[in-house]
C-alpha cells in the first residue's frame, strides 16, 4: 500500500512546490523588468495608440510606482 501512497504524495508535493517556485520567480522577474521609452512607445503602437512625450512620462512614472517592492506615499 505504501508503494502507491508515497509516489503519489511526492508527485503532488513536487507539483505544488514547483508551481509556488515558478510563481515567485515570475513575480521577481516582472518586478525587475525595466522598459525604456522606445519599448513603451512600441508597445503602445502595437495596441493602436500613439503616445506623446507627456504621456510616455506619465506611463513611466506609473510603471515605477506600481512595482511591488515600493511603498506609496
N, C-alpha and C. Protein backbone atom coordinates (compact mmCIF):
# COMPACT_ATOMS: atom_id res chain seq x y z
N UNK A 1 0.81 -1.19 0.00
CA UNK A 1 0.00 0.00 0.00
C UNK A 1 0.86 1.26 0.00
N UNK A 2 1.93 1.27 0.79
CA UNK A 2 2.82 2.44 0.83
C UNK A 2 3.55 2.62 -0.49
N UNK A 3 3.65 1.56 -1.27
CA UNK A 3 4.29 1.66 -2.58
C UNK A 3 3.48 2.53 -3.55
N UNK A 4 2.22 2.76 -3.26
CA UNK A 4 1.38 3.62 -4.08
C UNK A 4 1.21 5.01 -3.48
N UNK A 5 1.13 5.08 -2.16
CA UNK A 5 0.87 6.35 -1.49
C UNK A 5 2.06 7.30 -1.58
N UNK A 6 3.26 6.82 -1.32
CA UNK A 6 4.44 7.69 -1.29
C UNK A 6 4.73 8.31 -2.66
N UNK A 7 4.71 7.59 -3.76
CA UNK A 7 4.93 8.25 -5.06
C UNK A 7 3.86 9.29 -5.41
N UNK A 8 2.61 9.01 -5.06
CA UNK A 8 1.54 9.96 -5.34
C UNK A 8 1.73 11.23 -4.51
N UNK A 9 2.04 11.08 -3.22
CA UNK A 9 2.30 12.23 -2.36
C UNK A 9 3.50 13.03 -2.85
N UNK A 10 4.53 12.34 -3.25
CA UNK A 10 5.73 13.02 -3.77
C UNK A 10 5.41 13.81 -5.03
N UNK A 11 4.62 13.22 -5.91
CA UNK A 11 4.22 13.91 -7.13
C UNK A 11 3.41 15.17 -6.81
N UNK A 12 2.45 15.05 -5.91
CA UNK A 12 1.61 16.19 -5.55
C UNK A 12 2.45 17.29 -4.90
N UNK A 13 3.32 16.93 -3.97
CA UNK A 13 4.17 17.92 -3.32
C UNK A 13 5.13 18.57 -4.31
N UNK A 14 5.65 17.80 -5.25
CA UNK A 14 6.53 18.36 -6.26
C UNK A 14 5.82 19.33 -7.17
N UNK A 15 4.59 19.01 -7.57
CA UNK A 15 3.82 19.91 -8.42
C UNK A 15 3.47 21.21 -7.69
N UNK A 16 3.04 21.09 -6.44
CA UNK A 16 2.70 22.29 -5.67
C UNK A 16 3.93 23.13 -5.43
N UNK A 17 5.04 22.50 -5.04
CA UNK A 17 6.28 23.23 -4.81
C UNK A 17 6.82 23.88 -6.07
N UNK A 18 6.77 23.17 -7.18
CA UNK A 18 7.23 23.72 -8.45
C UNK A 18 6.38 24.89 -8.90
N UNK A 19 5.08 24.79 -8.70
CA UNK A 19 4.19 25.89 -9.06
C UNK A 19 4.49 27.12 -8.20
N UNK A 20 4.67 26.92 -6.89
CA UNK A 20 4.96 28.03 -5.99
C UNK A 20 6.28 28.71 -6.36
N UNK A 21 7.30 27.92 -6.65
CA UNK A 21 8.59 28.48 -7.04
C UNK A 21 8.48 29.20 -8.38
N UNK A 22 7.73 28.65 -9.30
CA UNK A 22 7.53 29.29 -10.60
C UNK A 22 6.82 30.64 -10.50
N UNK A 23 5.80 30.71 -9.65
CA UNK A 23 5.09 31.97 -9.45
C UNK A 23 6.01 33.00 -8.81
N UNK A 24 6.78 32.58 -7.82
CA UNK A 24 7.71 33.51 -7.16
C UNK A 24 8.76 34.02 -8.15
N UNK A 25 9.30 33.14 -8.97
CA UNK A 25 10.31 33.53 -9.94
C UNK A 25 9.74 34.51 -10.97
N UNK A 26 8.53 34.23 -11.45
CA UNK A 26 7.91 35.11 -12.43
C UNK A 26 7.63 36.49 -11.85
N UNK A 27 7.12 36.55 -10.62
CA UNK A 27 6.89 37.84 -9.96
C UNK A 27 8.19 38.60 -9.78
N UNK A 28 9.24 37.88 -9.40
CA UNK A 28 10.54 38.50 -9.21
C UNK A 28 11.07 39.07 -10.52
N UNK A 29 10.95 38.34 -11.61
CA UNK A 29 11.42 38.81 -12.90
C UNK A 29 10.59 39.99 -13.40
N UNK A 30 9.29 39.97 -13.18
CA UNK A 30 8.44 41.07 -13.62
C UNK A 30 8.73 42.34 -12.84
N UNK A 31 9.04 42.22 -11.55
CA UNK A 31 9.32 43.42 -10.77
C UNK A 31 10.67 44.02 -11.14
N UNK A 32 11.59 43.23 -11.65
CA UNK A 32 12.90 43.73 -12.04
C UNK A 32 12.95 44.21 -13.49
N UNK A 33 11.86 44.01 -14.22
CA UNK A 33 11.84 44.38 -15.62
C UNK A 33 11.79 45.90 -15.76
N UNK A 34 12.67 46.42 -16.60
CA UNK A 34 12.69 47.85 -16.84
C UNK A 34 12.46 48.08 -18.33
N UNK A 35 11.68 49.11 -18.62
CA UNK A 35 11.40 49.44 -20.01
C UNK A 35 11.82 50.88 -20.25
N UNK A 36 12.45 51.10 -21.37
CA UNK A 36 12.77 52.47 -21.74
C UNK A 36 11.65 53.03 -22.59
N UNK A 37 11.78 54.29 -22.97
CA UNK A 37 10.70 54.96 -23.70
C UNK A 37 10.44 54.33 -25.07
N UNK A 38 11.48 53.84 -25.71
CA UNK A 38 11.29 53.21 -27.03
C UNK A 38 10.44 51.96 -26.91
N UNK A 39 10.69 51.16 -25.88
CA UNK A 39 9.91 49.94 -25.70
C UNK A 39 8.46 50.28 -25.37
N UNK A 40 8.24 51.28 -24.51
CA UNK A 40 6.88 51.69 -24.18
C UNK A 40 6.14 52.20 -25.42
N UNK A 41 6.82 52.98 -26.23
CA UNK A 41 6.22 53.51 -27.45
C UNK A 41 5.85 52.37 -28.40
N UNK A 42 6.73 51.37 -28.50
CA UNK A 42 6.47 50.23 -29.38
C UNK A 42 5.26 49.43 -28.89
N UNK A 43 5.16 49.23 -27.59
CA UNK A 43 4.01 48.50 -27.03
C UNK A 43 2.72 49.28 -27.28
N UNK A 44 2.78 50.60 -27.08
CA UNK A 44 1.59 51.43 -27.31
C UNK A 44 1.17 51.38 -28.77
N UNK A 45 2.12 51.44 -29.68
CA UNK A 45 1.79 51.38 -31.11
C UNK A 45 1.19 50.03 -31.48
N UNK A 46 1.67 48.97 -30.86
CA UNK A 46 1.11 47.65 -31.16
C UNK A 46 -0.34 47.54 -30.68
N UNK A 47 -0.71 48.39 -29.70
CA UNK A 47 -2.10 48.42 -29.23
C UNK A 47 -2.93 49.48 -29.95
N UNK A 48 -2.31 50.15 -30.94
CA UNK A 48 -3.05 51.12 -31.73
C UNK A 48 -3.05 52.52 -31.17
N UNK A 49 -2.16 52.83 -30.22
CA UNK A 49 -2.08 54.17 -29.64
C UNK A 49 -0.77 54.83 -30.04
N UNK A 50 -0.81 56.13 -30.18
CA UNK A 50 0.40 56.88 -30.45
C UNK A 50 0.58 57.88 -29.30
N UNK A 51 1.59 57.68 -28.45
CA UNK A 51 1.78 58.48 -27.25
C UNK A 51 2.73 59.63 -27.51
N UNK A 52 2.41 60.80 -26.93
CA UNK A 52 3.35 61.91 -27.00
C UNK A 52 4.29 61.83 -25.79
N UNK A 53 5.21 62.76 -25.67
CA UNK A 53 6.24 62.71 -24.62
C UNK A 53 5.62 62.78 -23.23
N UNK A 54 4.61 63.63 -23.05
CA UNK A 54 3.96 63.76 -21.74
C UNK A 54 3.32 62.44 -21.32
N UNK A 55 2.64 61.79 -22.25
CA UNK A 55 2.00 60.51 -21.95
C UNK A 55 3.03 59.43 -21.65
N UNK A 56 4.16 59.45 -22.37
CA UNK A 56 5.23 58.49 -22.10
C UNK A 56 5.78 58.69 -20.69
N UNK A 57 5.98 59.94 -20.29
CA UNK A 57 6.48 60.22 -18.94
C UNK A 57 5.50 59.74 -17.88
N UNK A 58 4.21 59.96 -18.12
CA UNK A 58 3.20 59.51 -17.17
C UNK A 58 3.21 57.99 -17.06
N UNK A 59 3.31 57.31 -18.18
CA UNK A 59 3.34 55.85 -18.18
C UNK A 59 4.56 55.33 -17.43
N UNK A 60 5.70 55.96 -17.67
CA UNK A 60 6.93 55.54 -16.99
C UNK A 60 6.80 55.70 -15.49
N UNK A 61 6.24 56.83 -15.06
CA UNK A 61 6.06 57.06 -13.62
C UNK A 61 5.09 56.05 -13.01
N UNK A 62 4.02 55.75 -13.73
CA UNK A 62 3.05 54.78 -13.21
C UNK A 62 3.67 53.39 -13.09
N UNK A 63 4.47 53.01 -14.06
CA UNK A 63 5.11 51.69 -14.01
C UNK A 63 6.11 51.63 -12.86
N UNK A 64 6.82 52.71 -12.59
CA UNK A 64 7.78 52.73 -11.49
C UNK A 64 7.05 52.67 -10.15
N UNK A 65 5.92 53.39 -10.02
CA UNK A 65 5.19 53.40 -8.77
C UNK A 65 4.41 52.12 -8.54
N UNK A 66 4.16 51.35 -9.59
CA UNK A 66 3.38 50.12 -9.46
C UNK A 66 4.24 48.92 -9.11
N UNK A 67 5.55 49.10 -8.99
CA UNK A 67 6.41 47.96 -8.66
C UNK A 67 6.07 47.45 -7.26
N UNK A 68 6.05 46.14 -7.06
CA UNK A 68 5.62 45.56 -5.78
C UNK A 68 6.47 45.93 -4.59
N UNK A 69 7.74 46.17 -4.78
CA UNK A 69 8.63 46.43 -3.64
C UNK A 69 8.56 47.84 -3.10
N UNK A 70 7.94 48.75 -3.84
CA UNK A 70 7.91 50.14 -3.43
C UNK A 70 6.68 50.43 -2.60
N UNK A 71 6.84 51.36 -1.64
CA UNK A 71 5.72 51.82 -0.83
C UNK A 71 5.21 53.13 -1.38
N UNK A 72 3.89 53.28 -1.39
CA UNK A 72 3.30 54.52 -1.87
C UNK A 72 3.22 55.50 -0.73
N UNK A 73 3.38 56.78 -1.07
CA UNK A 73 3.29 57.85 -0.04
C UNK A 73 1.88 58.31 0.14
